[in-house]
Amino acid sequence: MTTATATLEQLESELNQMILDGKILEAFRKFYADECTMWDGSDVIDGKEANLERETMFVEGLTELRAVELHDVAIGDDVTMSTWHFDYTHGDWGTNTYDQVAVRKWKNGQIVEERFYKEA
């Protein structure tokens, strides 16, 4: 394993642990680049501030969090993938239960692009 891969593995591990610990907004502020782009299905949001606003709406709207489970992690060249299971109720979005793959592209220790692939 190269030093760059080890570092990326450490970054991914810390990010995922923060999510599991409920520190979603703190993790976002720490790991996402100013020019990040997030894809959720056909929705594309550019820029850290716009994405932080969306993440804040998600976190602040949670009324019940039944499950956040990390299943698998894969590390590649400047890319990481993690599989998750979520089960929650959101004040605006209702009850949601799904599995998700998060594919993250990294540059200089920060996420520059993230895509979510969901299966209900």
C-alpha atoms as a PDB file:
ATOM      1  CA  MET A   1       0.000   0.000   0.000  1.00  0.00           C
ATOM      2  CA  THR A   2       1.426   3.381  -0.978  1.00  0.00           C
ATOM      3  CA  THR A   3       1.641   6.317   1.397  1.00  0.00           C
ATOM      4  CA  ALA A   4      -1.013   8.175  -0.620  1.00  0.00           C
ATOM      5  CA  THR A   5      -3.368   5.201  -0.353  1.00  0.00           C
ATOM      6  CA  ALA A   6      -2.738   4.889   3.392  1.00  0.00           C
ATOM      7  CA  THR A   7      -3.486   8.584   3.820  1.00  0.00           C
ATOM      8  CA  LEU A   8      -6.670   8.315   1.755  1.00  0.00           C
ATOM      9  CA  GLU A   9      -7.696   5.292   3.822  1.00  0.00           C
ATOM     10  CA  GLN A  10      -7.172   7.326   6.996  1.00  0.00           C
ATOM     11  CA  LEU A  11      -9.193  10.252   5.644  1.00  0.00           C
ATOM     12  CA  GLU A  12     -12.064   7.997   4.557  1.00  0.00           C
ATOM     13  CA  SER A  13     -12.040   6.220   7.903  1.00  0.00           C
ATOM     14  CA  GLU A  14     -12.156   9.466   9.877  1.00  0.00           C
ATOM     15  CA  LEU A  15     -14.930  10.867   7.679  1.00  0.00           C
ATOM     16  CA  ASN A  16     -17.042   7.721   8.000  1.00  0.00           C
ATOM     17  CA  GLN A  17     -16.558   7.592  11.759  1.00  0.00           C
ATOM     18  CA  MET A  18     -17.701  11.192  12.090  1.00  0.00           C
ATOM     19  CA  ILE A  19     -20.844  10.343  10.101  1.00  0.00           C
ATOM     20  CA  LEU A  20     -21.486   7.322  12.346  1.00  0.00           C
ATOM     21  CA  ASP A  21     -20.996   9.552  15.400  1.00  0.00           C
ATOM     22  CA  GLY A  22     -23.636  11.979  14.101  1.00  0.00           C
ATOM     23  CA  LYS A  23     -21.097  14.699  13.271  1.00  0.00           C
ATOM     24  CA  ILE A  24     -22.274  15.079   9.688  1.00  0.00           C
ATOM     25  CA  LEU A  25     -21.964  18.850   9.432  1.00  0.00           C
ATOM     26  CA  GLU A  26     -18.589  18.908  11.166  1.00  0.00           C
ATOM     27  CA  ALA A  27     -17.347  16.222   8.768  1.00  0.00           C
ATOM     28  CA  PHE A  28     -18.651  18.172   5.798  1.00  0.00           C
ATOM     29  CA  ARG A  29     -16.866  21.342   6.897  1.00  0.00           C
ATOM     30  CA  LYS A  30     -13.625  19.433   7.424  1.00  0.00           C
ATOM     31  CA  PHE A  31     -13.438  17.166   4.378  1.00  0.00           C
ATOM     32  CA  TYR A  32     -15.197  18.884   1.459  1.00  0.00           C
ATOM     33  CA  ALA A  33     -13.395  21.274  -0.883  1.00  0.00           C
ATOM     34  CA  ASP A  34     -14.788  24.740  -1.632  1.00  0.00           C
ATOM     35  CA  GLU A  35     -15.351  23.693  -5.270  1.00  0.00           C
ATOM     36  CA  CYS A  36     -17.010  20.349  -4.461  1.00  0.00           C
ATOM     37  CA  THR A  37     -19.844  18.929  -6.524  1.00  0.00           C
ATOM     38  CA  MET A  38     -22.397  16.475  -5.142  1.00  0.00           C
ATOM     39  CA  TRP A  39     -24.641  14.246  -7.238  1.00  0.00           C
ATOM     40  CA  ASP A  40     -27.749  12.674  -5.719  1.00  0.00           C
ATOM     41  CA  GLY A  41     -29.593  10.935  -8.514  1.00  0.00           C
ATOM     42  CA  SER A  42     -30.157  13.594 -11.148  1.00  0.00           C
ATOM     43  CA  ASP A  43     -29.707  16.450  -8.650  1.00  0.00           C
ATOM     44  CA  VAL A  44     -26.339  18.182  -8.979  1.00  0.00           C
ATOM     45  CA  ILE A  45     -25.209  20.809  -6.490  1.00  0.00           C
ATOM     46  CA  ASP A  46     -21.992  22.772  -7.010  1.00  0.00           C
ATOM     47  CA  GLY A  47     -19.968  24.485  -4.322  1.00  0.00           C
ATOM     48  CA  LYS A  48     -19.359  23.881  -0.645  1.00  0.00           C
ATOM     49  CA  GLU A  49     -21.790  26.521   0.638  1.00  0.00           C
ATOM     50  CA  ALA A  50     -24.739  25.246  -1.419  1.00  0.00           C
ATOM     51  CA  ASN A  51     -23.992  21.658  -0.421  1.00  0.00           C
ATOM     52  CA  LEU A  52     -23.562  22.612   3.232  1.00  0.00           C
ATOM     53  CA  GLU A  53     -26.990  24.263   3.104  1.00  0.00           C
ATOM     54  CA  ARG A  54     -28.503  21.028   1.764  1.00  0.00           C
ATOM     55  CA  GLU A  55     -26.725  18.911   4.387  1.00  0.00           C
ATOM     56  CA  THR A  56     -27.918  21.291   7.114  1.00  0.00           C
ATOM     57  CA  MET A  57     -31.517  20.931   5.880  1.00  0.00           C
ATOM     58  CA  PHE A  58     -31.113  17.162   6.090  1.00  0.00           C
ATOM     59  CA  VAL A  59     -29.635  17.105   9.601  1.00  0.00           C
ATOM     60  CA  GLU A  60     -31.965  19.724  11.085  1.00  0.00           C
ATOM     61  CA  GLY A  61     -35.033  18.044   9.569  1.00  0.00           C
ATOM     62  CA  LEU A  62     -34.409  14.606  11.089  1.00  0.00           C
ATOM     63  CA  THR A  63     -37.182  13.650  13.484  1.00  0.00           C
ATOM     64  CA  GLU A  64     -36.170  10.006  14.000  1.00  0.00           C
ATOM     65  CA  LEU A  65     -32.936   8.245  13.158  1.00  0.00           C
ATOM     66  CA  ARG A  66     -33.377   4.474  13.304  1.00  0.00           C
ATOM     67  CA  ALA A  67     -30.231   3.302  11.524  1.00  0.00           C
ATOM     68  CA  VAL A  68     -26.970   4.555  10.043  1.00  0.00           C
ATOM     69  CA  GLU A  69     -24.783   1.572   9.180  1.00  0.00           C
ATOM     70  CA  LEU A  70     -21.483   1.441   7.310  1.00  0.00           C
ATOM     71  CA  HIS A  71     -21.036  -1.864   5.484  1.00  0.00           C
ATOM     72  CA  ASP A  72     -18.073  -1.771   3.086  1.00  0.00           C
ATOM     73  CA  VAL A  73     -15.252   0.575   2.121  1.00  0.00           C
ATOM     74  CA  ALA A  74     -13.017   0.501  -0.953  1.00  0.00           C
ATOM     75  CA  ILE A  75      -9.971   2.679  -1.584  1.00  0.00           C
ATOM     76  CA  GLY A  76      -8.540   3.429  -5.032  1.00  0.00           C
ATOM     77  CA  ASP A  77      -6.395   6.086  -6.663  1.00  0.00           C
ATOM     78  CA  ASP A  78      -7.873   9.371  -5.394  1.00  0.00           C
ATOM     79  CA  VAL A  79     -11.285   7.704  -5.039  1.00  0.00           C
ATOM     80  CA  THR A  80     -13.104   5.982  -2.184  1.00  0.00           C
ATOM     81  CA  MET A  81     -16.390   4.120  -2.048  1.00  0.00           C
ATOM     82  CA  SER A  82     -18.483   3.214   0.954  1.00  0.00           C
ATOM     83  CA  THR A  83     -21.774   1.366   1.244  1.00  0.00           C
ATOM     84  CA  TRP A  84     -24.338   2.485   3.784  1.00  0.00           C
ATOM     85  CA  HIS A  85     -27.773   1.616   5.110  1.00  0.00           C
ATOM     86  CA  PHE A  86     -30.025   4.463   6.281  1.00  0.00           C
ATOM     87  CA  ASP A  87     -33.412   4.396   7.981  1.00  0.00           C
ATOM     88  CA  TYR A  88     -34.857   7.697   9.207  1.00  0.00           C
ATOM     89  CA  THR A  89     -37.834  10.022   9.266  1.00  0.00           C
ATOM     90  CA  HIS A  90     -37.407  13.599   8.087  1.00  0.00           C
ATOM     91  CA  GLY A  91     -39.883  16.382   8.792  1.00  0.00           C
ATOM     92  CA  ASP A  92     -40.025  17.441   5.125  1.00  0.00           C
ATOM     93  CA  TRP A  93     -39.075  14.227   3.288  1.00  0.00           C
ATOM     94  CA  GLY A  94     -40.990  11.612   5.289  1.00  0.00           C
ATOM     95  CA  THR A  95     -39.833   8.080   6.105  1.00  0.00           C
ATOM     96  CA  ASN A  96     -36.789   6.878   4.167  1.00  0.00           C
ATOM     97  CA  THR A  97     -35.101   3.481   4.213  1.00  0.00           C
ATOM     98  CA  TYR A  98     -32.434   2.729   1.628  1.00  0.00           C
ATOM     99  CA  ASP A  99     -28.975   1.391   0.877  1.00  0.00           C
ATOM    100  CA  GLN A 100     -26.503   3.777  -0.672  1.00  0.00           C
ATOM    101  CA  VAL A 101     -23.069   3.752  -2.242  1.00  0.00           C
ATOM    102  CA  ALA A 102     -21.092   6.967  -1.820  1.00  0.00           C
ATOM    103  CA  VAL A 103     -18.327   7.433  -4.387  1.00  0.00           C
ATOM    104  CA  ARG A 104     -15.913  10.190  -3.401  1.00  0.00           C
ATOM    105  CA  LYS A 105     -13.169  11.734  -5.518  1.00  0.00           C
ATOM    106  CA  TRP A 106     -10.380  13.310  -3.480  1.00  0.00           C
ATOM    107  CA  LYS A 107      -7.791  15.979  -4.253  1.00  0.00           C
ATOM    108  CA  ASN A 108      -5.235  17.323  -1.783  1.00  0.00           C
ATOM    109  CA  GLY A 109      -6.971  15.618   1.145  1.00  0.00           C
ATOM    110  CA  GLN A 110     -10.442  16.978   0.365  1.00  0.00           C
ATOM    111  CA  ILE A 111     -13.493  15.681  -1.471  1.00  0.00           C
ATOM    112  CA  VAL A 112     -14.019  17.440  -4.790  1.00  0.00           C
ATOM    113  CA  GLU A 113     -16.861  15.239  -6.050  1.00  0.00           C
ATOM    114  CA  GLU A 114     -19.319  12.855  -4.426  1.00  0.00           C
ATOM    115  CA  ARG A 115     -21.988  10.736  -6.081  1.00  0.00           C
ATOM    116  CA  PHE A 116     -24.703   8.810  -4.299  1.00  0.00           C
ATOM    117  CA  TYR A 117     -26.227   5.670  -5.778  1.00  0.00           C
ATOM    118  CA  LYS A 118     -29.339   4.576  -3.872  1.00  0.00           C
ATOM    119  CA  GLU A 119     -31.474   1.468  -3.781  1.00  0.00           C
ATOM    120  CA  ALA A 120     -34.721   1.511  -1.827  1.00  0.00           C
END
